[in-house]
């Protein structure tokens, strides 16, 4: 859809007048000075601090020129044409919500941002035909469409990856962090190294409460990739917030949602993500994306508890969440006595063969007992490893490995064409039939 040429010419004329106002500060009482802004800066790999950057000097002049500009013939013509052009008029004086941000669409703010976007990369404001045409096309796209194309960056902490970018789907990839510039010429470095980059569409809603909208679904993309890495091997990776903006200029979006970072250093050791592991992470992520959480509620609960455990600092808290996940997998919908026995036995049979099963069995019985001691405020009795008393931290790492492997097995089982609950028939697994045939988990 094309907007009337009269509106295009009017916006061009208004842009020229606005730039003249900026160049001649006598039109305002504002002193042309830069405005300081503190933004995050990458010092070295995954170590950040804040550095001072500035708004361009012309920003405040432009904002404070609106009063005098509104009296100009060019402004009044733009206002008249916007009010009489049906496609534009249907937006006027309405709360427009995109994603999690809403703003009133009115003539002053629209014209202010229309001019500011054209000047975003300029130290000295000048009228450039190419930049005007580009901004006008973006305005046409915004008016004509009911969806807005978005892009976002989800910062990942504690991850080291040397073979970027990694393409997960056509719209999701892992890439280096980068610097971006907003409509005021303000630069921001996206937090994290590397970051998950994703593209999507957001509906453009009118008179909708913005507090009911969020970017939770997009944050889930980062969470899925972090979960895939956690299910691959030991290590801690964290997704922190989402930085998002429309791919085109819009008159009602500030172009940034960013969670302000503080100074941090990675928790040693860094998670080393190697090139040969990419395909396996792709498979795990696809399993998470396609998992039917309504059908396999216990597995979904176990995955959530596993990820909560990954964020715990205290090893006791970590073990408690791990055991909740174990019970969701191995004791789902079952009451009765001897839970510790059944949990230990089932975990051992699912994960190992031969003599190693006994090691898993004993460890899981101890884990059940230690969890009970922790939640009841007693001192846990920890086992010995190689004749040395294990720490609770080391023990929780051992159970974490068992849980990780268990979740991988259950995710594989949930991918079977005829998968249903329960994913494992424990009687058939533990007690082969009379013919001596072993229970086939792959069926």
Protein backbone atom coordinates (compact mmCIF):
# COMPACT_ATOMS: atom_id res chain seq x y z
CA UNK A 1 0.00 0.00 0.00
CA UNK A 2 1.26 3.48 -0.94
CA UNK A 3 0.48 6.63 0.99
CA UNK A 4 -0.58 9.73 -0.99
CA UNK A 5 2.20 11.66 -2.70
CA UNK A 6 0.87 14.82 -1.06
CA UNK A 7 1.74 13.35 2.35
CA UNK A 8 5.16 12.31 1.13
CA UNK A 9 5.92 15.83 -0.13
CA UNK A 10 4.57 17.37 3.10
CA UNK A 11 6.78 15.14 5.26
CA UNK A 12 9.78 16.02 3.10
CA UNK A 13 9.11 19.73 3.53
CA UNK A 14 8.62 19.36 7.29
CA UNK A 15 11.90 17.43 7.60
CA UNK A 16 13.74 20.28 5.87
CA UNK A 17 12.17 22.87 8.16
CA UNK A 18 12.97 20.79 11.27
CA UNK A 19 16.62 20.49 10.24
CA UNK A 20 16.78 24.26 9.73
CA UNK A 21 15.48 24.72 13.28
CA UNK A 22 18.23 22.47 14.60
CA UNK A 23 20.90 24.36 12.72
CA UNK A 24 19.59 27.66 14.07
CA UNK A 25 19.43 27.34 17.90
CA UNK A 26 17.85 30.81 18.14
CA UNK A 27 14.53 29.07 17.55
CA UNK A 28 14.79 27.47 20.98
CA UNK A 29 16.13 28.27 24.43
CA UNK A 30 18.16 25.06 24.41
CA UNK A 31 21.98 25.10 24.44
CA UNK A 32 23.32 22.63 21.84
CA UNK A 33 25.17 20.21 24.11
CA UNK A 34 25.57 16.45 24.10
CA UNK A 35 23.76 14.34 26.67
CA UNK A 36 25.78 11.77 28.61
CA UNK A 37 24.64 8.17 28.81
CA UNK A 38 26.24 5.22 30.55
CA UNK A 39 26.18 2.00 28.54
CA UNK A 40 27.74 -1.47 29.00
CA UNK A 41 31.14 -2.02 27.40
CA UNK A 42 32.97 -5.30 26.81
CA UNK A 43 36.39 -5.22 28.46
CA UNK A 44 37.47 -8.76 27.60
CA UNK A 45 35.77 -12.11 27.02
CA UNK A 46 32.58 -12.00 29.09
CA UNK A 47 33.87 -9.23 31.38
CA UNK A 48 31.92 -6.00 31.19
CA UNK A 49 31.90 -2.51 32.65
CA UNK A 50 30.03 0.72 31.95
CA UNK A 51 31.36 3.41 29.60
CA UNK A 52 30.03 6.89 28.91
CA UNK A 53 28.47 7.59 25.53
CA UNK A 54 26.28 10.45 24.42
CA UNK A 55 23.10 11.42 22.66
CA UNK A 56 23.80 13.59 19.59
CA UNK A 57 23.81 17.30 20.38
CA UNK A 58 20.84 17.95 18.11
CA UNK A 59 18.43 15.61 19.97
CA UNK A 60 17.29 18.03 22.67
CA UNK A 61 17.15 20.87 20.16
CA UNK A 62 14.79 18.88 17.96
CA UNK A 63 12.59 17.80 20.87
CA UNK A 64 12.32 21.36 22.18
CA UNK A 65 11.59 22.76 18.73
CA UNK A 66 8.25 20.99 18.48
CA UNK A 67 6.30 23.88 19.98
CA UNK A 68 7.54 26.39 17.42
CA UNK A 69 7.50 23.82 14.60
CA UNK A 70 3.83 23.08 15.26
CA UNK A 71 3.01 26.64 14.18
CA UNK A 72 4.66 26.20 10.78
CA UNK A 73 2.67 25.68 7.60
CA UNK A 74 4.63 22.49 6.89
CA UNK A 75 3.66 20.95 10.24
CA UNK A 76 0.00 21.92 9.87
CA UNK A 77 -0.13 20.45 6.36
CA UNK A 78 1.32 17.14 7.64
CA UNK A 79 -1.23 17.14 10.45
CA UNK A 80 -4.11 17.79 8.05
CA UNK A 81 -3.04 15.07 5.60
CA UNK A 82 -2.51 12.52 8.37
CA UNK A 83 -5.99 13.25 9.71
CA UNK A 84 -7.62 12.95 6.27
CA UNK A 85 -5.68 9.91 5.02
CA UNK A 86 -7.84 7.01 6.18
CA UNK A 87 -4.99 4.50 6.62
CA UNK A 88 -3.11 6.91 8.91
CA UNK A 89 -6.17 8.37 10.64
CA UNK A 90 -7.26 4.97 11.99
CA UNK A 91 -4.09 4.96 14.10
CA UNK A 92 -4.33 8.52 15.42
CA UNK A 93 -4.83 9.04 19.16
CA UNK A 94 -4.88 5.29 19.82
CA UNK A 95 -2.64 3.27 22.08
CA UNK A 96 -0.63 1.11 19.68
CA UNK A 97 0.93 -1.98 21.27
CA UNK A 98 3.70 -4.04 19.69
CA UNK A 99 5.24 -6.80 21.75
CA UNK A 100 5.48 -5.54 25.31
CA UNK A 101 5.56 -1.82 24.48
CA UNK A 102 2.63 0.50 23.93
CA UNK A 103 2.55 4.16 23.01
CA UNK A 104 -0.04 6.69 21.93
CA UNK A 105 0.15 7.40 18.22
CA UNK A 106 -0.18 11.13 17.68
CA UNK A 107 1.08 13.68 15.18
CA UNK A 108 3.77 15.43 17.31
CA UNK A 109 5.56 12.25 18.43
CA UNK A 110 5.26 10.67 15.00
CA UNK A 111 6.83 13.67 13.26
CA UNK A 112 9.54 14.01 15.91
CA UNK A 113 10.61 10.40 15.50
CA UNK A 114 10.27 10.55 11.72
CA UNK A 115 12.87 13.33 11.58
CA UNK A 116 15.11 11.89 14.33
CA UNK A 117 15.43 8.54 12.58
CA UNK A 118 16.65 10.20 9.39
CA UNK A 119 19.41 11.95 11.33
CA UNK A 120 20.44 9.02 13.53
CA UNK A 121 23.93 8.51 12.05
CA UNK A 122 24.74 12.18 11.44
CA UNK A 123 27.00 14.40 13.49
CA UNK A 124 25.85 17.42 11.47
CA UNK A 125 22.16 17.19 10.49
CA UNK A 126 21.49 17.53 6.75
CA UNK A 127 18.60 16.50 4.55
CA UNK A 128 19.44 13.37 2.55
CA UNK A 129 16.95 12.21 -0.06
CA UNK A 130 17.94 8.56 0.25
CA UNK A 131 17.51 8.51 4.02
CA UNK A 132 14.15 10.30 3.73
CA UNK A 133 12.86 7.79 1.16
CA UNK A 134 13.99 4.87 3.32
CA UNK A 135 12.19 6.27 6.39
CA UNK A 136 9.06 7.06 4.39
CA UNK A 137 8.92 3.45 3.09
CA UNK A 138 9.21 2.21 6.68
CA UNK A 139 6.33 4.50 7.63
CA UNK A 140 4.22 3.08 4.78
CA UNK A 141 5.00 -0.46 5.93
CA UNK A 142 3.97 0.35 9.50
CA UNK A 143 0.67 1.92 8.42
CA UNK A 144 -0.22 -0.84 5.94
CA UNK A 145 0.59 -3.98 7.93
CA UNK A 146 -0.93 -5.52 11.04
CA UNK A 147 2.36 -7.19 12.01
CA UNK A 148 5.85 -5.82 12.59
CA UNK A 149 9.07 -7.71 11.84
CA UNK A 150 11.28 -7.94 14.93
CA UNK A 151 14.79 -9.06 15.69
CA UNK A 152 16.26 -9.82 19.08
CA UNK A 153 19.48 -10.76 20.83
CA UNK A 154 19.50 -12.99 23.90
CA UNK A 155 22.81 -12.65 25.79
CA UNK A 156 24.48 -15.83 27.04
CA UNK A 157 26.86 -15.74 29.97
CA UNK A 158 29.72 -18.15 30.74
CA UNK A 159 29.75 -19.65 27.23
CA UNK A 160 32.88 -19.96 25.12
CA UNK A 161 32.39 -20.78 21.45
CA UNK A 162 34.99 -20.32 18.71
CA UNK A 163 33.06 -21.39 15.59
CA UNK A 164 30.35 -18.77 15.22
CA UNK A 165 27.83 -18.23 13.77
CA UNK A 166 25.85 -21.44 14.35
CA UNK A 167 22.53 -21.68 12.51
CA UNK A 168 19.80 -23.44 14.51
CA UNK A 169 16.94 -22.57 12.16
CA UNK A 170 16.45 -20.03 9.38
CA UNK A 171 15.36 -17.53 12.06
CA UNK A 172 17.55 -18.52 15.03
CA UNK A 173 21.33 -18.56 15.26
CA UNK A 174 24.18 -18.24 17.74
CA UNK A 175 26.48 -15.35 16.92
CA UNK A 176 28.98 -12.84 18.27
CA UNK A 177 27.76 -9.86 20.25
CA UNK A 178 27.62 -6.59 18.35
CA UNK A 179 27.07 -2.86 18.57
CA UNK A 180 23.75 -1.42 17.41
CA UNK A 181 22.57 2.17 17.06
CA UNK A 182 19.11 3.47 17.93
CA UNK A 183 17.07 6.24 16.32
CA UNK A 184 18.78 8.88 18.46
CA UNK A 185 22.23 7.88 17.27
CA UNK A 186 22.88 6.18 20.62
CA UNK A 187 25.10 3.11 20.53
CA UNK A 188 24.57 0.07 22.69
CA UNK A 189 26.64 -3.07 22.83
CA UNK A 190 24.45 -6.13 23.18
CA UNK A 191 25.31 -7.86 26.42
CA UNK A 192 26.95 -11.25 26.27
CA UNK A 193 29.38 -13.15 24.13
CA UNK A 194 28.01 -14.91 22.23
CA UNK A 195 24.30 -14.09 21.81
CA UNK A 196 21.29 -15.92 20.40
CA UNK A 197 19.90 -13.93 17.47
CA UNK A 198 16.28 -14.53 16.45
CA UNK A 199 13.67 -13.03 14.14
CA UNK A 200 9.89 -13.07 14.52
CA UNK A 201 6.73 -11.06 13.94
CA UNK A 202 4.65 -9.18 16.50
CA UNK A 203 1.02 -8.21 16.00
CA UNK A 204 0.24 -4.49 15.94
CA UNK A 205 -2.65 -4.04 18.35
CA UNK A 206 -4.70 -0.93 18.99
CA UNK A 207 -6.00 0.10 22.41
CA UNK A 208 -4.55 -3.03 24.03
CA UNK A 209 -3.11 -3.03 27.54
CA UNK A 210 0.67 -3.35 27.07
CA UNK A 211 1.08 -4.95 30.51
CA UNK A 212 -0.66 -8.05 29.13
CA UNK A 213 1.97 -8.45 26.42
CA UNK A 214 5.52 -9.67 26.85
CA UNK A 215 8.50 -11.18 25.05
CA UNK A 216 8.31 -14.36 27.14
CA UNK A 217 7.93 -16.58 24.09
CA UNK A 218 11.09 -15.11 22.54
CA UNK A 219 13.01 -15.53 25.78
CA UNK A 220 12.01 -19.20 25.57
CA UNK A 221 14.18 -19.51 22.46
CA UNK A 222 17.23 -18.61 24.53
CA UNK A 223 16.10 -20.89 27.35
CA UNK A 224 15.76 -23.82 24.95
CA UNK A 225 19.29 -23.35 23.66
CA UNK A 226 20.65 -23.03 27.22
CA UNK A 227 18.74 -26.16 28.24
CA UNK A 228 20.14 -28.01 25.21
CA UNK A 229 23.68 -27.08 26.27
CA UNK A 230 22.98 -28.17 29.86
CA UNK A 231 21.62 -31.51 28.64
CA UNK A 232 24.68 -32.04 26.46
CA UNK A 233 27.27 -32.02 29.26
CA UNK A 234 28.27 -30.52 32.58
CA UNK A 235 28.59 -26.74 32.77
CA UNK A 236 26.65 -23.58 33.55
CA UNK A 237 25.34 -21.22 30.89
CA UNK A 238 22.82 -18.45 31.57
CA UNK A 239 20.50 -16.48 29.29
CA UNK A 240 19.90 -13.03 30.73
CA UNK A 241 17.11 -10.89 29.31
CA UNK A 242 16.41 -10.04 25.70
CA UNK A 243 17.39 -7.05 23.61
CA UNK A 244 14.78 -6.49 20.90
CA UNK A 245 13.77 -3.98 18.24
CA UNK A 246 11.71 -3.74 15.05
CA UNK A 247 13.70 -4.49 11.91
CA UNK A 248 12.20 -1.35 10.35
CA UNK A 249 11.62 2.06 11.85
CA UNK A 250 8.25 2.52 13.57
CA UNK A 251 6.85 5.75 15.05
CA UNK A 252 5.80 4.21 18.37
CA UNK A 253 8.77 2.07 19.43
CA UNK A 254 11.91 3.25 21.17
CA UNK A 255 13.76 0.47 19.29
CA UNK A 256 15.22 -1.00 22.47
CA UNK A 257 14.29 -3.37 25.25
CA UNK A 258 17.47 -4.02 27.14
CA UNK A 259 18.16 -5.25 30.64
CA UNK A 260 20.96 -3.10 32.03
CA UNK A 261 23.94 -5.25 32.96
CA UNK A 262 26.32 -4.73 35.84
CA UNK A 263 29.96 -5.72 35.95
CA UNK A 264 30.51 -9.46 36.15
CA UNK A 265 33.08 -12.15 35.54
CA UNK A 266 32.23 -15.67 34.43
CA UNK A 267 31.88 -18.44 36.99
CA UNK A 268 34.81 -20.76 36.30
CA UNK A 269 35.12 -22.88 34.33
CA UNK A 270 33.63 -21.49 31.13
CA UNK A 271 31.32 -23.81 29.23
CA UNK A 272 33.33 -24.83 26.17
CA UNK A 273 31.01 -25.45 23.23
CA UNK A 274 32.92 -27.26 20.47
CA UNK A 275 32.19 -27.54 16.78
CA UNK A 276 31.74 -31.31 16.86
CA UNK A 277 28.94 -30.88 19.44
CA UNK A 278 26.76 -28.64 17.26
CA UNK A 279 24.73 -31.44 15.65
CA UNK A 280 23.96 -33.06 18.99
CA UNK A 281 22.76 -29.77 20.46
CA UNK A 282 20.59 -29.29 17.36
CA UNK A 283 18.97 -32.68 18.01
CA UNK A 284 18.37 -31.94 21.70
CA UNK A 285 16.87 -28.53 20.95
CA UNK A 286 14.53 -30.05 18.36
CA UNK A 287 13.39 -32.60 20.95
CA UNK A 288 12.64 -29.80 23.42
CA UNK A 289 10.76 -27.75 20.80
CA UNK A 290 8.58 -30.66 19.71
CA UNK A 291 7.96 -32.14 23.17
CA UNK A 292 4.24 -32.49 23.91
CA UNK A 293 4.25 -31.04 27.44
CA UNK A 294 0.56 -31.73 27.96
CA UNK A 295 1.00 -35.42 27.20
CA UNK A 296 4.32 -35.84 29.01
CA UNK A 297 3.75 -33.58 32.01
CA UNK A 298 6.14 -35.47 34.29
CA UNK A 299 8.99 -35.14 31.80
CA UNK A 300 8.25 -31.44 31.35
CA UNK A 301 8.30 -30.99 35.13
CA UNK A 302 11.60 -32.85 35.40
CA UNK A 303 13.14 -30.62 32.71
CA UNK A 304 12.00 -27.47 34.54
CA UNK A 305 13.40 -28.71 37.85
CA UNK A 306 16.67 -29.66 36.21
CA UNK A 307 17.05 -26.14 34.83
CA UNK A 308 16.15 -24.61 38.21
CA UNK A 309 18.84 -26.80 39.79
CA UNK A 310 21.36 -25.47 37.27
CA UNK A 311 20.78 -21.96 38.61
CA UNK A 312 21.19 -22.89 42.27
CA UNK A 313 24.35 -21.79 44.05
CA UNK A 314 23.96 -23.93 47.17
CA UNK A 315 24.65 -27.64 46.42
CA UNK A 316 21.97 -28.71 48.92
CA UNK A 317 19.31 -26.69 47.12
CA UNK A 318 20.62 -28.07 43.84
CA UNK A 319 20.24 -31.66 45.09
CA UNK A 320 16.67 -31.02 46.31
CA UNK A 321 15.60 -29.84 42.84
CA UNK A 322 17.42 -32.73 41.21
CA UNK A 323 15.55 -35.24 43.34
CA UNK A 324 12.21 -33.64 42.48
CA UNK A 325 13.16 -34.15 38.84
CA UNK A 326 14.18 -37.78 39.47
CA UNK A 327 10.86 -38.53 41.17
CA UNK A 328 8.93 -36.92 38.31
CA UNK A 329 10.74 -39.22 35.85
CA UNK A 330 10.89 -42.49 37.77
CA UNK A 331 8.00 -42.34 40.26
CA UNK A 332 5.36 -40.38 38.35
CA UNK A 333 1.83 -40.85 39.69
CA UNK A 334 2.97 -43.58 42.07
CA UNK A 335 2.44 -43.67 45.81
CA UNK A 336 3.24 -46.41 48.24
CA UNK A 337 6.31 -47.30 50.24
CA UNK A 338 9.90 -48.03 49.28
CA UNK A 339 10.19 -45.01 47.01
CA UNK A 340 13.92 -44.81 47.55
CA UNK A 341 14.32 -48.46 46.55
CA UNK A 342 12.19 -48.14 43.41
CA UNK A 343 13.85 -44.88 42.36
CA UNK A 344 17.35 -46.28 42.78
CA UNK A 345 16.56 -49.56 41.05
CA UNK A 346 14.84 -47.97 38.05
CA UNK A 347 17.57 -45.37 37.57
CA UNK A 348 20.27 -48.06 37.66
CA UNK A 349 18.48 -50.28 35.14
CA UNK A 350 17.71 -47.48 32.72
CA UNK A 351 21.19 -45.94 32.71
CA UNK A 352 23.65 -48.82 33.08
CA UNK A 353 24.37 -52.47 32.52
CA UNK A 354 26.36 -55.05 34.41
CA UNK A 355 28.19 -54.28 37.62
CA UNK A 356 28.00 -50.51 37.15
CA UNK A 357 24.28 -50.72 37.90
CA UNK A 358 25.06 -51.41 41.54
CA UNK A 359 27.09 -48.17 41.77
CA UNK A 360 24.17 -46.14 40.39
CA UNK A 361 21.73 -48.00 42.65
CA UNK A 362 23.73 -47.26 45.80
CA UNK A 363 24.33 -43.63 44.82
CA UNK A 364 20.63 -42.99 44.21
CA UNK A 365 19.64 -44.57 47.54
CA UNK A 366 22.15 -42.28 49.25
CA UNK A 367 20.83 -39.29 47.29
CA UNK A 368 17.29 -39.98 48.49
CA UNK A 369 18.51 -40.18 52.09
CA UNK A 370 20.68 -37.05 51.82
CA UNK A 371 17.78 -35.08 50.31
CA UNK A 372 15.56 -36.13 53.22
CA UNK A 373 18.19 -35.03 55.75
CA UNK A 374 18.56 -31.62 54.08
CA UNK A 375 14.84 -30.84 53.91
CA UNK A 376 14.42 -31.86 57.58
CA UNK A 377 17.33 -29.76 58.76
CA UNK A 378 19.65 -32.65 59.67
CA UNK A 379 23.30 -33.05 58.69
CA UNK A 380 23.51 -35.36 55.65
CA UNK A 381 25.74 -38.43 55.78
CA UNK A 382 27.83 -38.20 52.65
CA UNK A 383 29.54 -41.22 51.08
CA UNK A 384 33.25 -41.62 50.50
CA UNK A 385 34.90 -41.55 47.10
CA UNK A 386 38.29 -43.26 46.71
CA UNK A 387 38.48 -43.41 50.50
CA UNK A 388 37.91 -39.65 50.85
CA UNK A 389 34.75 -38.06 52.25
CA UNK A 390 32.81 -36.49 49.38
CA UNK A 391 31.60 -32.92 49.62
CA UNK A 392 27.95 -32.13 49.00
CA UNK A 393 29.03 -30.17 45.92
CA UNK A 394 30.83 -33.18 44.43
CA UNK A 395 27.92 -35.48 45.27
CA UNK A 396 25.42 -33.15 43.57
CA UNK A 397 27.61 -33.16 40.45
CA UNK A 398 27.41 -36.95 40.38
CA UNK A 399 23.62 -36.98 40.69
CA UNK A 400 23.44 -34.18 38.12
CA UNK A 401 25.19 -36.46 35.63
CA UNK A 402 22.67 -39.23 36.30
CA UNK A 403 19.79 -36.79 35.90
CA UNK A 404 21.19 -35.37 32.67
CA UNK A 405 21.52 -38.84 31.18
CA UNK A 406 18.03 -39.79 32.41
CA UNK A 407 16.45 -36.74 30.77
CA UNK A 408 18.22 -37.53 27.50
CA UNK A 409 16.85 -41.09 27.57
CA UNK A 410 13.32 -39.93 28.32
CA UNK A 411 13.46 -37.27 25.57
CA UNK A 412 14.51 -39.99 23.13
CA UNK A 413 11.61 -42.18 24.28
CA UNK A 414 9.14 -39.31 23.87
CA UNK A 415 10.14 -39.02 20.21
CA UNK A 416 8.91 -42.52 19.36
CA UNK A 417 6.03 -42.51 16.82
CA UNK A 418 3.64 -44.20 19.26
CA UNK A 419 5.03 -42.75 22.47
CA UNK A 420 2.58 -42.59 25.34
CA UNK A 421 2.51 -42.45 29.12
CA UNK A 422 4.19 -44.06 30.90
CA UNK A 423 7.26 -43.80 28.69
CA UNK A 424 8.77 -46.87 30.38
CA UNK A 425 6.98 -50.03 31.49
CA UNK A 426 9.08 -50.71 34.57
CA UNK A 427 7.82 -54.25 35.15
CA UNK A 428 8.80 -55.28 31.63
CA UNK A 429 12.18 -53.57 31.93
CA UNK A 430 13.06 -55.11 35.29
CA UNK A 431 11.46 -58.53 34.75
CA UNK A 432 11.85 -59.91 31.19
CA UNK A 433 9.04 -62.16 29.95
CA UNK A 434 9.07 -65.93 30.24
CA UNK A 435 10.78 -66.37 26.86
CA UNK A 436 13.78 -64.47 28.18
CA UNK A 437 13.40 -61.60 25.72
CA UNK A 438 14.59 -58.25 27.03
CA UNK A 439 12.23 -55.27 27.07
CA UNK A 440 12.90 -53.11 23.99
CA UNK A 441 12.85 -49.44 24.99
CA UNK A 442 13.05 -48.38 21.36
CA UNK A 443 9.63 -49.82 20.45
